[in-house]
Amino acid sequence: MPDQPDLLFLLHDVARLLRVSGDRRARAHGMTRAQWVILWQLERQPGRSQKELADFLEVEPITVARLVDRLAGRGMVERRDDPADRRIWRLHLLPPAYPVLDHMRVERDQVARLMATGRSPQSLKMLRQTLIALKANVLSELRTRPPEPAAPLPPSVAPSLPIAPRPPARRRATLAEPAFQQDRP
């Protein structure tokens, strides 16, 4: 057993704990962490599209659409037409979002103070520089190395059960017939 925790697991655990803390803090304000992230991103970069936010959040665009629906319902965000592409909505903050952002900053500062407890300013500066360098290394590798196809599993690990065939698709009701008819034999 190593004397030091594995760096990758440690980074993952810290990020996971920060997400859990963010979830709790957002819930205390009647929101979700994802909604908070959307507000942060729109403050930093007004006019982002739902697709851009979905990519940033690593979720499907429909998920962001629903989150934005809730924020719009609370009067915090509005969708505007993209002047160059009518299929795209550009998202912008409305005045009711700004007091929420102020509360979010207070929560963020509390988490930052909590994380810095017992650490000297020099060690925090070194940590920040190290994390920036680690991030740059990973980004560099991602930009220069093409994705590799997944290697096949060795026979000892590969599932031994055959894959069941998919059931036939159900016939969909047409506009001319009621939907319940599709369930009749």
C-alpha atoms as a PDB file:
ATOM      1  CA  MET A   1       0.000   0.000   0.000  1.00  0.00           C
ATOM      2  CA  PRO A   2       1.490   3.344  -1.021  1.00  0.00           C
ATOM      3  CA  ASP A   3       2.344   5.976   1.581  1.00  0.00           C
ATOM      4  CA  GLN A   4       0.627   8.727  -0.430  1.00  0.00           C
ATOM      5  CA  PRO A   5      -2.892   8.667  -1.883  1.00  0.00           C
ATOM      6  CA  ASP A   6      -3.051   8.305  -5.651  1.00  0.00           C
ATOM      7  CA  LEU A   7      -3.096  11.815  -7.177  1.00  0.00           C
ATOM      8  CA  LEU A   8      -5.842  11.038  -9.700  1.00  0.00           C
ATOM      9  CA  PHE A   9      -8.145   9.578  -7.052  1.00  0.00           C
ATOM     10  CA  LEU A  10      -7.406  12.486  -4.741  1.00  0.00           C
ATOM     11  CA  LEU A  11      -8.245  15.051  -7.435  1.00  0.00           C
ATOM     12  CA  HIS A  12     -11.418  13.130  -8.253  1.00  0.00           C
ATOM     13  CA  ASP A  13     -12.449  12.977  -4.584  1.00  0.00           C
ATOM     14  CA  VAL A  14     -11.884  16.705  -4.036  1.00  0.00           C
ATOM     15  CA  ALA A  15     -13.890  17.546  -7.179  1.00  0.00           C
ATOM     16  CA  ARG A  16     -16.690  15.173  -6.128  1.00  0.00           C
ATOM     17  CA  LEU A  17     -16.842  16.675  -2.628  1.00  0.00           C
ATOM     18  CA  LEU A  18     -16.966  20.171  -4.099  1.00  0.00           C
ATOM     19  CA  ARG A  19     -19.883  19.084  -6.304  1.00  0.00           C
ATOM     20  CA  VAL A  20     -21.710  17.642  -3.286  1.00  0.00           C
ATOM     21  CA  SER A  21     -21.102  20.850  -1.345  1.00  0.00           C
ATOM     22  CA  GLY A  22     -22.301  22.910  -4.313  1.00  0.00           C
ATOM     23  CA  ASP A  23     -25.441  20.778  -4.607  1.00  0.00           C
ATOM     24  CA  ARG A  24     -26.272  21.339  -0.935  1.00  0.00           C
ATOM     25  CA  ARG A  25     -25.605  25.061  -1.092  1.00  0.00           C
ATOM     26  CA  ALA A  26     -27.663  25.507  -4.264  1.00  0.00           C
ATOM     27  CA  ARG A  27     -30.541  23.467  -2.798  1.00  0.00           C
ATOM     28  CA  ALA A  28     -30.573  25.752   0.242  1.00  0.00           C
ATOM     29  CA  HIS A  29     -31.415  28.563  -2.207  1.00  0.00           C
ATOM     30  CA  GLY A  30     -34.072  26.541  -4.061  1.00  0.00           C
ATOM     31  CA  MET A  31     -31.857  25.891  -7.080  1.00  0.00           C
ATOM     32  CA  THR A  32     -29.552  23.251  -8.503  1.00  0.00           C
ATOM     33  CA  ARG A  33     -25.800  23.408  -8.943  1.00  0.00           C
ATOM     34  CA  ALA A  34     -26.328  23.125 -12.710  1.00  0.00           C
ATOM     35  CA  GLN A  35     -28.561  26.210 -12.632  1.00  0.00           C
ATOM     36  CA  TRP A  36     -25.858  28.037 -10.688  1.00  0.00           C
ATOM     37  CA  VAL A  37     -23.254  27.045 -13.271  1.00  0.00           C
ATOM     38  CA  ILE A  38     -25.489  28.344 -16.057  1.00  0.00           C
ATOM     39  CA  LEU A  39     -25.872  31.679 -14.271  1.00  0.00           C
ATOM     40  CA  TRP A  40     -22.083  31.887 -13.685  1.00  0.00           C
ATOM     41  CA  GLN A  41     -21.366  31.121 -17.323  1.00  0.00           C
ATOM     42  CA  LEU A  42     -23.889  33.648 -18.612  1.00  0.00           C
ATOM     43  CA  GLU A  43     -22.457  36.318 -16.324  1.00  0.00           C
ATOM     44  CA  ARG A  44     -18.964  35.584 -17.619  1.00  0.00           C
ATOM     45  CA  GLN A  45     -20.023  35.155 -21.243  1.00  0.00           C
ATOM     46  CA  PRO A  46     -23.461  36.588 -22.095  1.00  0.00           C
ATOM     47  CA  GLY A  47     -25.116  35.231 -25.203  1.00  0.00           C
ATOM     48  CA  ARG A  48     -23.941  31.642 -24.973  1.00  0.00           C
ATOM     49  CA  SER A  49     -26.138  29.082 -26.686  1.00  0.00           C
ATOM     50  CA  GLN A  50     -27.827  26.164 -24.968  1.00  0.00           C
ATOM     51  CA  LYS A  51     -25.568  23.822 -26.973  1.00  0.00           C
ATOM     52  CA  GLU A  52     -22.442  25.606 -25.725  1.00  0.00           C
ATOM     53  CA  LEU A  53     -23.677  25.334 -22.143  1.00  0.00           C
ATOM     54  CA  ALA A  54     -24.527  21.649 -22.648  1.00  0.00           C
ATOM     55  CA  ASP A  55     -20.981  21.003 -23.871  1.00  0.00           C
ATOM     56  CA  PHE A  56     -19.546  22.855 -20.881  1.00  0.00           C
ATOM     57  CA  LEU A  57     -21.785  20.997 -18.397  1.00  0.00           C
ATOM     58  CA  GLU A  58     -21.205  17.680 -20.193  1.00  0.00           C
ATOM     59  CA  VAL A  59     -24.941  17.007 -20.504  1.00  0.00           C
ATOM     60  CA  GLU A  60     -27.391  16.692 -23.366  1.00  0.00           C
ATOM     61  CA  PRO A  61     -28.829  19.924 -24.835  1.00  0.00           C
ATOM     62  CA  ILE A  62     -32.349  18.924 -23.729  1.00  0.00           C
ATOM     63  CA  THR A  63     -31.134  18.908 -20.119  1.00  0.00           C
ATOM     64  CA  VAL A  64     -29.890  22.480 -20.472  1.00  0.00           C
ATOM     65  CA  ALA A  65     -33.132  23.455 -22.212  1.00  0.00           C
ATOM     66  CA  ARG A  66     -35.103  22.267 -19.171  1.00  0.00           C
ATOM     67  CA  LEU A  67     -32.769  24.031 -16.741  1.00  0.00           C
ATOM     68  CA  VAL A  68     -33.055  27.232 -18.763  1.00  0.00           C
ATOM     69  CA  ASP A  69     -36.865  26.812 -18.836  1.00  0.00           C
ATOM     70  CA  ARG A  70     -36.840  26.865 -15.019  1.00  0.00           C
ATOM     71  CA  LEU A  71     -34.501  29.859 -14.877  1.00  0.00           C
ATOM     72  CA  ALA A  72     -36.628  31.691 -17.450  1.00  0.00           C
ATOM     73  CA  GLY A  73     -39.729  30.831 -15.408  1.00  0.00           C
ATOM     74  CA  ARG A  74     -38.087  32.581 -12.441  1.00  0.00           C
ATOM     75  CA  GLY A  75     -37.332  35.611 -14.617  1.00  0.00           C
ATOM     76  CA  MET A  76     -33.548  35.162 -14.438  1.00  0.00           C
ATOM     77  CA  VAL A  77     -32.721  34.235 -18.031  1.00  0.00           C
ATOM     78  CA  GLU A  78     -34.152  35.065 -21.414  1.00  0.00           C
ATOM     79  CA  ARG A  79     -33.692  33.464 -24.803  1.00  0.00           C
ATOM     80  CA  ARG A  80     -32.947  35.754 -27.729  1.00  0.00           C
ATOM     81  CA  ASP A  81     -32.762  34.918 -31.405  1.00  0.00           C
ATOM     82  CA  ASP A  82     -29.292  34.468 -32.841  1.00  0.00           C
ATOM     83  CA  PRO A  83     -28.955  37.072 -35.602  1.00  0.00           C
ATOM     84  CA  ALA A  84     -26.937  34.708 -37.812  1.00  0.00           C
ATOM     85  CA  ASP A  85     -28.808  31.423 -37.258  1.00  0.00           C
ATOM     86  CA  ARG A  86     -32.508  31.298 -36.456  1.00  0.00           C
ATOM     87  CA  ARG A  87     -32.190  27.761 -35.038  1.00  0.00           C
ATOM     88  CA  ILE A  88     -30.067  29.008 -32.125  1.00  0.00           C
ATOM     89  CA  TRP A  89     -31.192  30.744 -28.953  1.00  0.00           C
ATOM     90  CA  ARG A  90     -28.726  33.068 -27.259  1.00  0.00           C
ATOM     91  CA  LEU A  91     -29.123  33.220 -23.484  1.00  0.00           C
ATOM     92  CA  HIS A  92     -28.896  36.389 -21.434  1.00  0.00           C
ATOM     93  CA  LEU A  93     -29.288  37.205 -17.753  1.00  0.00           C
ATOM     94  CA  LEU A  94     -32.151  39.356 -16.521  1.00  0.00           C
ATOM     95  CA  PRO A  95     -32.068  41.621 -13.417  1.00  0.00           C
ATOM     96  CA  PRO A  96     -33.517  39.001 -10.980  1.00  0.00           C
ATOM     97  CA  ALA A  97     -30.411  36.836 -11.597  1.00  0.00           C
ATOM     98  CA  TYR A  98     -27.974  39.354 -10.123  1.00  0.00           C
ATOM     99  CA  PRO A  99     -28.977  39.024  -6.433  1.00  0.00           C
ATOM    100  CA  VAL A 100     -28.699  35.241  -6.844  1.00  0.00           C
ATOM    101  CA  LEU A 101     -25.209  35.680  -8.286  1.00  0.00           C
ATOM    102  CA  ASP A 102     -24.322  37.803  -5.251  1.00  0.00           C
ATOM    103  CA  HIS A 103     -25.454  34.961  -2.943  1.00  0.00           C
ATOM    104  CA  MET A 104     -23.472  32.509  -5.053  1.00  0.00           C
ATOM    105  CA  ARG A 105     -20.321  34.600  -4.600  1.00  0.00           C
ATOM    106  CA  VAL A 106     -20.805  34.511  -0.810  1.00  0.00           C
ATOM    107  CA  GLU A 107     -21.151  30.699  -0.950  1.00  0.00           C
ATOM    108  CA  ARG A 108     -18.114  30.411  -3.218  1.00  0.00           C
ATOM    109  CA  ASP A 109     -16.020  32.540  -0.843  1.00  0.00           C
ATOM    110  CA  GLN A 110     -17.089  30.342   2.103  1.00  0.00           C
ATOM    111  CA  VAL A 111     -15.987  27.202   0.256  1.00  0.00           C
ATOM    112  CA  ALA A 112     -12.681  28.819  -0.730  1.00  0.00           C
ATOM    113  CA  ARG A 113     -12.022  29.810   2.904  1.00  0.00           C
ATOM    114  CA  LEU A 114     -12.909  26.302   4.064  1.00  0.00           C
ATOM    115  CA  MET A 115     -10.509  24.744   1.562  1.00  0.00           C
ATOM    116  CA  ALA A 116      -7.731  27.163   2.550  1.00  0.00           C
ATOM    117  CA  THR A 117      -8.060  26.483   6.276  1.00  0.00           C
ATOM    118  CA  GLY A 118      -4.666  25.543   7.686  1.00  0.00           C
ATOM    119  CA  ARG A 119      -2.810  26.363   4.457  1.00  0.00           C
ATOM    120  CA  SER A 120      -0.336  29.199   4.096  1.00  0.00           C
ATOM    121  CA  PRO A 121      -0.733  31.741   1.290  1.00  0.00           C
ATOM    122  CA  GLN A 122       2.503  30.372  -0.223  1.00  0.00           C
ATOM    123  CA  SER A 123       1.229  26.788  -0.279  1.00  0.00           C
ATOM    124  CA  LEU A 124      -2.065  27.930  -1.843  1.00  0.00           C
ATOM    125  CA  LYS A 125      -0.146  29.862  -4.496  1.00  0.00           C
ATOM    126  CA  MET A 126       1.960  26.771  -5.199  1.00  0.00           C
ATOM    127  CA  LEU A 127      -1.174  24.591  -5.348  1.00  0.00           C
ATOM    128  CA  ARG A 128      -2.813  26.987  -7.815  1.00  0.00           C
ATOM    129  CA  GLN A 129       0.298  27.019 -10.018  1.00  0.00           C
ATOM    130  CA  THR A 130       0.541  23.237  -9.877  1.00  0.00           C
ATOM    131  CA  LEU A 131      -3.119  22.766 -10.809  1.00  0.00           C
ATOM    132  CA  ILE A 132      -2.734  25.187 -13.721  1.00  0.00           C
ATOM    133  CA  ALA A 133       0.294  23.212 -14.948  1.00  0.00           C
ATOM    134  CA  LEU A 134      -1.539  19.881 -14.554  1.00  0.00           C
ATOM    135  CA  LYS A 135      -4.493  21.253 -16.495  1.00  0.00           C
ATOM    136  CA  ALA A 136      -2.193  22.543 -19.259  1.00  0.00           C
ATOM    137  CA  ASN A 137      -0.515  19.125 -19.537  1.00  0.00           C
ATOM    138  CA  VAL A 138      -3.830  17.308 -19.907  1.00  0.00           C
ATOM    139  CA  LEU A 139      -5.166  19.879 -22.395  1.00  0.00           C
ATOM    140  CA  SER A 140      -1.997  19.605 -24.458  1.00  0.00           C
ATOM    141  CA  GLU A 141      -2.328  15.833 -24.624  1.00  0.00           C
ATOM    142  CA  LEU A 142      -5.996  16.054 -25.559  1.00  0.00           C
ATOM    143  CA  ARG A 143      -5.261  18.521 -28.352  1.00  0.00           C
ATOM    144  CA  THR A 144      -2.349  16.605 -29.877  1.00  0.00           C
ATOM    145  CA  ARG A 145      -3.261  12.958 -29.382  1.00  0.00           C
ATOM    146  CA  PRO A 146      -6.017  11.562 -31.565  1.00  0.00           C
ATOM    147  CA  PRO A 147      -8.636   9.465 -29.790  1.00  0.00           C
ATOM    148  CA  GLU A 148      -7.806   5.799 -29.870  1.00  0.00           C
ATOM    149  CA  PRO A 149     -10.402   3.147 -30.603  1.00  0.00           C
ATOM    150  CA  ALA A 150     -11.305   1.065 -27.588  1.00  0.00           C
ATOM    151  CA  ALA A 151      -9.260  -2.095 -27.317  1.00  0.00           C
ATOM    152  CA  PRO A 152     -11.271  -5.313 -27.243  1.00  0.00           C
ATOM    153  CA  LEU A 153     -11.651  -6.899 -23.843  1.00  0.00           C
ATOM    154  CA  PRO A 154      -9.535  -9.969 -23.198  1.00  0.00           C
ATOM    155  CA  PRO A 155     -11.540 -13.213 -23.371  1.00  0.00           C
ATOM    156  CA  SER A 156     -11.255 -13.689 -19.611  1.00  0.00           C
ATOM    157  CA  VAL A 157     -13.031 -10.348 -19.029  1.00  0.00           C
ATOM    158  CA  ALA A 158     -15.411 -10.245 -22.005  1.00  0.00           C
ATOM    159  CA  PRO A 159     -18.972 -11.291 -21.204  1.00  0.00           C
ATOM    160  CA  SER A 160     -19.611 -14.926 -22.032  1.00  0.00           C
ATOM    161  CA  LEU A 161     -23.365 -14.559 -22.440  1.00  0.00           C
ATOM    162  CA  PRO A 162     -24.709 -13.868 -25.920  1.00  0.00           C
ATOM    163  CA  ILE A 163     -26.261 -10.474 -26.465  1.00  0.00           C
ATOM    164  CA  ALA A 164     -30.034 -10.760 -26.628  1.00  0.00           C
ATOM    165  CA  PRO A 165     -31.634  -9.531 -29.848  1.00  0.00           C
ATOM    166  CA  ARG A 166     -33.633  -6.337 -29.634  1.00  0.00           C
ATOM    167  CA  PRO A 167     -37.391  -6.786 -29.593  1.00  0.00           C
ATOM    168  CA  PRO A 168     -39.174  -5.602 -32.725  1.00  0.00           C
ATOM    169  CA  ALA A 169     -40.231  -1.976 -32.677  1.00  0.00           C
ATOM    170  CA  ARG A 170     -43.869  -1.312 -31.922  1.00  0.00           C
ATOM    171  CA  ARG A 171     -45.944   0.118 -34.724  1.00  0.00           C
ATOM    172  CA  ARG A 172     -46.682   3.772 -34.073  1.00  0.00           C
ATOM    173  CA  ALA A 173     -50.181   5.134 -34.369  1.00  0.00           C
ATOM    174  CA  THR A 174     -50.770   7.415 -37.318  1.00  0.00           C
ATOM    175  CA  LEU A 175     -52.575  10.712 -37.086  1.00  0.00           C
ATOM    176  CA  ALA A 176     -55.658   9.032 -38.562  1.00  0.00           C
ATOM    177  CA  GLU A 177     -55.979   6.436 -35.796  1.00  0.00           C
ATOM    178  CA  PRO A 178     -56.149   6.811 -32.030  1.00  0.00           C
ATOM    179  CA  ALA A 179     -52.959   6.024 -30.147  1.00  0.00           C
ATOM    180  CA  PHE A 180     -54.582   3.264 -28.076  1.00  0.00           C
ATOM    181  CA  GLN A 181     -55.057   1.102 -31.200  1.00  0.00           C
ATOM    182  CA  GLN A 182     -51.345   0.375 -31.332  1.00  0.00           C
ATOM    183  CA  ASP A 183     -51.729  -1.731 -28.186  1.00  0.00           C
ATOM    184  CA  ARG A 184     -54.434  -3.969 -29.658  1.00  0.00           C
ATOM    185  CA  PRO A 185     -53.454  -7.302 -31.204  1.00  0.00           C
END
